[in-house]
């Protein structure tokens, strides 16, 4: 079953490096089966993230086909990937766009990480754009049955 990704905007009081507190709105991404589950999960994640009160300002479906975290990277980039196929009937090139969320430190690294994520793709593709995302963190769902789980 493919994941359904939700972008969640959360407003809360954040302590800055200077020690002063400032109200901020930040965007997080998580996978869930419904808006209700997304709201419940972002509430749980935020309780672990901050002791301050917070408000969920918005939850919307995200259009990411895949999410690719990379170690030693601290920002998230949205990569537009055009899958290229030939239309048998017309003989013309047909492009289908998908969006990947890729973790990297800069645009150059995001391009390299997108290329790495697409390594196993059999067909041709191009990467027409990469933009920095507002997403601060990604919370994938773990059921406890993933590899390496010692609970039986």
C-alpha atoms as a PDB file:
ATOM      1  CA  UNK A   1       0.000   0.000   0.000  1.00  0.00           C
ATOM      2  CA  UNK A   2       1.399   3.382  -0.921  1.00  0.00           C
ATOM      3  CA  UNK A   3       1.801   6.070   1.684  1.00  0.00           C
ATOM      4  CA  UNK A   4      -0.441   9.100   1.846  1.00  0.00           C
ATOM      5  CA  UNK A   5       1.542  12.141   2.930  1.00  0.00           C
ATOM      6  CA  UNK A   6       0.013  15.076   4.803  1.00  0.00           C
ATOM      7  CA  UNK A   7       1.534  18.518   5.303  1.00  0.00           C
ATOM      8  CA  UNK A   8       0.702  19.849   8.754  1.00  0.00           C
ATOM      9  CA  UNK A   9       1.213  23.479   9.767  1.00  0.00           C
ATOM     10  CA  UNK A  10       1.619  23.986  13.499  1.00  0.00           C
ATOM     11  CA  UNK A  11       1.821  27.288  15.387  1.00  0.00           C
ATOM     12  CA  UNK A  12       3.581  27.376  18.748  1.00  0.00           C
ATOM     13  CA  UNK A  13       5.878  29.442  20.958  1.00  0.00           C
ATOM     14  CA  UNK A  14       9.486  28.547  20.175  1.00  0.00           C
ATOM     15  CA  UNK A  15      12.536  29.481  22.216  1.00  0.00           C
ATOM     16  CA  UNK A  16      15.124  31.132  19.967  1.00  0.00           C
ATOM     17  CA  UNK A  17      18.908  30.718  20.300  1.00  0.00           C
ATOM     18  CA  UNK A  18      18.960  34.071  22.118  1.00  0.00           C
ATOM     19  CA  UNK A  19      16.593  32.712  24.776  1.00  0.00           C
ATOM     20  CA  UNK A  20      13.635  34.873  23.741  1.00  0.00           C
ATOM     21  CA  UNK A  21      10.369  33.184  22.869  1.00  0.00           C
ATOM     22  CA  UNK A  22       8.698  33.829  19.533  1.00  0.00           C
ATOM     23  CA  UNK A  23       5.449  32.507  18.074  1.00  0.00           C
ATOM     24  CA  UNK A  24       6.253  30.578  14.913  1.00  0.00           C
ATOM     25  CA  UNK A  25       4.399  28.478  12.355  1.00  0.00           C
ATOM     26  CA  UNK A  26       6.240  25.462  10.997  1.00  0.00           C
ATOM     27  CA  UNK A  27       5.388  22.782   8.457  1.00  0.00           C
ATOM     28  CA  UNK A  28       5.829  19.055   9.077  1.00  0.00           C
ATOM     29  CA  UNK A  29       5.150  16.049   6.873  1.00  0.00           C
ATOM     30  CA  UNK A  30       3.749  12.729   8.026  1.00  0.00           C
ATOM     31  CA  UNK A  31       2.050   9.729   6.489  1.00  0.00           C
ATOM     32  CA  UNK A  32      -1.402   8.702   7.628  1.00  0.00           C
ATOM     33  CA  UNK A  33      -4.521   7.037   6.236  1.00  0.00           C
ATOM     34  CA  UNK A  34      -6.858   9.958   6.938  1.00  0.00           C
ATOM     35  CA  UNK A  35      -7.002  13.581   8.065  1.00  0.00           C
ATOM     36  CA  UNK A  36      -8.162  12.364  11.481  1.00  0.00           C
ATOM     37  CA  UNK A  37      -5.137  10.122  11.890  1.00  0.00           C
ATOM     38  CA  UNK A  38      -2.867  12.908  10.606  1.00  0.00           C
ATOM     39  CA  UNK A  39      -4.252  15.282  13.254  1.00  0.00           C
ATOM     40  CA  UNK A  40      -3.781  12.683  15.981  1.00  0.00           C
ATOM     41  CA  UNK A  41      -0.235  11.838  14.875  1.00  0.00           C
ATOM     42  CA  UNK A  42       0.945  15.457  14.540  1.00  0.00           C
ATOM     43  CA  UNK A  43      -0.489  16.162  18.017  1.00  0.00           C
ATOM     44  CA  UNK A  44       1.526  13.262  19.466  1.00  0.00           C
ATOM     45  CA  UNK A  45       4.689  14.287  17.620  1.00  0.00           C
ATOM     46  CA  UNK A  46       4.372  17.911  18.757  1.00  0.00           C
ATOM     47  CA  UNK A  47       3.847  16.866  22.392  1.00  0.00           C
ATOM     48  CA  UNK A  48       7.259  15.175  22.221  1.00  0.00           C
ATOM     49  CA  UNK A  49       8.736  18.142  20.323  1.00  0.00           C
ATOM     50  CA  UNK A  50       7.600  21.032  22.539  1.00  0.00           C
ATOM     51  CA  UNK A  51       6.244  21.506  26.045  1.00  0.00           C
ATOM     52  CA  UNK A  52       4.461  24.688  24.949  1.00  0.00           C
ATOM     53  CA  UNK A  53       0.853  24.855  23.790  1.00  0.00           C
ATOM     54  CA  UNK A  54       0.436  24.517  20.036  1.00  0.00           C
ATOM     55  CA  UNK A  55      -2.307  24.877  17.446  1.00  0.00           C
ATOM     56  CA  UNK A  56      -2.683  22.846  14.283  1.00  0.00           C
ATOM     57  CA  UNK A  57      -3.347  25.547  11.698  1.00  0.00           C
ATOM     58  CA  UNK A  58      -3.739  23.417   8.569  1.00  0.00           C
ATOM     59  CA  UNK A  59      -3.585  19.833   7.340  1.00  0.00           C
ATOM     60  CA  UNK A  60      -3.508  19.113   3.619  1.00  0.00           C
ATOM     61  CA  UNK A  61      -2.637  16.269   1.295  1.00  0.00           C
ATOM     62  CA  UNK A  62       0.901  16.524  -0.042  1.00  0.00           C
ATOM     63  CA  UNK A  63       1.623  15.488  -3.608  1.00  0.00           C
ATOM     64  CA  UNK A  64       4.843  13.576  -2.948  1.00  0.00           C
ATOM     65  CA  UNK A  65       5.217  10.187  -4.620  1.00  0.00           C
ATOM     66  CA  UNK A  66       8.217   9.322  -2.471  1.00  0.00           C
ATOM     67  CA  UNK A  67      10.201  10.722   0.459  1.00  0.00           C
ATOM     68  CA  UNK A  68      13.962  10.151   0.592  1.00  0.00           C
ATOM     69  CA  UNK A  69      15.848  11.027   3.786  1.00  0.00           C
ATOM     70  CA  UNK A  70      19.647  11.215   3.547  1.00  0.00           C
ATOM     71  CA  UNK A  71      22.024  11.185   6.512  1.00  0.00           C
ATOM     72  CA  UNK A  72      23.956  14.332   7.392  1.00  0.00           C
ATOM     73  CA  UNK A  73      21.407  16.530   5.622  1.00  0.00           C
ATOM     74  CA  UNK A  74      19.288  19.126   7.368  1.00  0.00           C
ATOM     75  CA  UNK A  75      16.911  20.605   4.757  1.00  0.00           C
ATOM     76  CA  UNK A  76      14.138  19.195   2.567  1.00  0.00           C
ATOM     77  CA  UNK A  77      13.813  19.860  -1.168  1.00  0.00           C
ATOM     78  CA  UNK A  78      10.919  19.229  -3.544  1.00  0.00           C
ATOM     79  CA  UNK A  79      12.195  17.629  -6.745  1.00  0.00           C
ATOM     80  CA  UNK A  80       9.987  17.639  -9.822  1.00  0.00           C
ATOM     81  CA  UNK A  81      10.817  14.579 -11.920  1.00  0.00           C
ATOM     82  CA  UNK A  82       9.416  14.135 -15.434  1.00  0.00           C
ATOM     83  CA  UNK A  83       9.118  10.498 -16.447  1.00  0.00           C
ATOM     84  CA  UNK A  84       9.500  10.241 -20.210  1.00  0.00           C
ATOM     85  CA  UNK A  85       7.692   7.611 -22.293  1.00  0.00           C
ATOM     86  CA  UNK A  86       6.919   7.260 -25.980  1.00  0.00           C
ATOM     87  CA  UNK A  87       3.268   7.288 -27.014  1.00  0.00           C
ATOM     88  CA  UNK A  88       3.001   4.237 -29.291  1.00  0.00           C
ATOM     89  CA  UNK A  89       0.086   5.616 -31.321  1.00  0.00           C
ATOM     90  CA  UNK A  90       1.305   9.145 -32.008  1.00  0.00           C
ATOM     91  CA  UNK A  91       5.043   8.461 -31.761  1.00  0.00           C
ATOM     92  CA  UNK A  92       5.418  11.514 -29.531  1.00  0.00           C
ATOM     93  CA  UNK A  93       7.195  11.835 -26.222  1.00  0.00           C
ATOM     94  CA  UNK A  94       4.871  11.858 -23.226  1.00  0.00           C
ATOM     95  CA  UNK A  95       5.956  13.269 -19.849  1.00  0.00           C
ATOM     96  CA  UNK A  96       4.396  12.418 -16.513  1.00  0.00           C
ATOM     97  CA  UNK A  97       5.458  14.540 -13.545  1.00  0.00           C
ATOM     98  CA  UNK A  98       6.008  13.161 -10.065  1.00  0.00           C
ATOM     99  CA  UNK A  99       7.338  14.939  -6.982  1.00  0.00           C
ATOM    100  CA  UNK A 100       9.948  13.595  -4.569  1.00  0.00           C
ATOM    101  CA  UNK A 101      10.853  15.071  -1.207  1.00  0.00           C
ATOM    102  CA  UNK A 102      14.609  14.719  -0.848  1.00  0.00           C
ATOM    103  CA  UNK A 103      16.785  15.618   2.107  1.00  0.00           C
ATOM    104  CA  UNK A 104      19.984  17.545   1.334  1.00  0.00           C
ATOM    105  CA  UNK A 105      22.099  20.503   2.457  1.00  0.00           C
ATOM    106  CA  UNK A 106      21.830  22.524  -0.769  1.00  0.00           C
ATOM    107  CA  UNK A 107      20.298  22.409  -4.262  1.00  0.00           C
ATOM    108  CA  UNK A 108      23.349  20.721  -5.823  1.00  0.00           C
ATOM    109  CA  UNK A 109      23.217  17.925  -3.244  1.00  0.00           C
ATOM    110  CA  UNK A 110      19.431  17.688  -3.688  1.00  0.00           C
ATOM    111  CA  UNK A 111      19.992  17.099  -7.425  1.00  0.00           C
ATOM    112  CA  UNK A 112      22.574  14.375  -6.653  1.00  0.00           C
ATOM    113  CA  UNK A 113      20.259  12.763  -4.068  1.00  0.00           C
ATOM    114  CA  UNK A 114      17.315  12.874  -6.490  1.00  0.00           C
ATOM    115  CA  UNK A 115      19.476  11.183  -9.134  1.00  0.00           C
ATOM    116  CA  UNK A 116      20.475   8.546  -6.564  1.00  0.00           C
ATOM    117  CA  UNK A 117      16.811   8.000  -5.587  1.00  0.00           C
ATOM    118  CA  UNK A 118      15.941   7.489  -9.275  1.00  0.00           C
ATOM    119  CA  UNK A 119      18.825   5.016  -9.946  1.00  0.00           C
ATOM    120  CA  UNK A 120      16.567   1.972 -10.217  1.00  0.00           C
ATOM    121  CA  UNK A 121      14.157   3.643 -12.637  1.00  0.00           C
ATOM    122  CA  UNK A 122      14.099   1.734 -15.912  1.00  0.00           C
ATOM    123  CA  UNK A 123      12.788   4.523 -18.144  1.00  0.00           C
ATOM    124  CA  UNK A 124      14.119   7.924 -19.073  1.00  0.00           C
ATOM    125  CA  UNK A 125      13.462  10.922 -16.863  1.00  0.00           C
ATOM    126  CA  UNK A 126      14.517  14.514 -16.409  1.00  0.00           C
ATOM    127  CA  UNK A 127      14.637  16.769 -13.348  1.00  0.00           C
ATOM    128  CA  UNK A 128      13.153  20.116 -14.463  1.00  0.00           C
ATOM    129  CA  UNK A 129      13.129  21.757 -11.017  1.00  0.00           C
ATOM    130  CA  UNK A 130      14.273  21.502  -7.436  1.00  0.00           C
ATOM    131  CA  UNK A 131      13.058  23.959  -4.799  1.00  0.00           C
ATOM    132  CA  UNK A 132      13.675  24.207  -1.086  1.00  0.00           C
ATOM    133  CA  UNK A 133      10.652  23.107   0.905  1.00  0.00           C
ATOM    134  CA  UNK A 134       9.188  24.742   4.001  1.00  0.00           C
ATOM    135  CA  UNK A 135       8.977  21.289   5.612  1.00  0.00           C
ATOM    136  CA  UNK A 136      11.001  21.245   8.807  1.00  0.00           C
ATOM    137  CA  UNK A 137      10.781  17.530   9.604  1.00  0.00           C
ATOM    138  CA  UNK A 138       9.221  14.287   8.369  1.00  0.00           C
ATOM    139  CA  UNK A 139       7.473  11.787  10.630  1.00  0.00           C
ATOM    140  CA  UNK A 140       7.026   8.466   8.795  1.00  0.00           C
ATOM    141  CA  UNK A 141       4.706   5.890  10.327  1.00  0.00           C
ATOM    142  CA  UNK A 142       6.343   2.975  12.135  1.00  0.00           C
ATOM    143  CA  UNK A 143       4.036   0.162  13.133  1.00  0.00           C
ATOM    144  CA  UNK A 144       6.655  -1.623  15.220  1.00  0.00           C
ATOM    145  CA  UNK A 145       6.750  -4.486  12.719  1.00  0.00           C
ATOM    146  CA  UNK A 146       9.561  -3.073  10.571  1.00  0.00           C
ATOM    147  CA  UNK A 147      12.927  -4.738  10.127  1.00  0.00           C
ATOM    148  CA  UNK A 148      15.066  -4.848  13.225  1.00  0.00           C
ATOM    149  CA  UNK A 149      12.092  -4.795  15.578  1.00  0.00           C
ATOM    150  CA  UNK A 150      12.787  -7.307  18.328  1.00  0.00           C
ATOM    151  CA  UNK A 151       9.209  -7.399  19.634  1.00  0.00           C
ATOM    152  CA  UNK A 152       7.302 -10.519  18.662  1.00  0.00           C
END
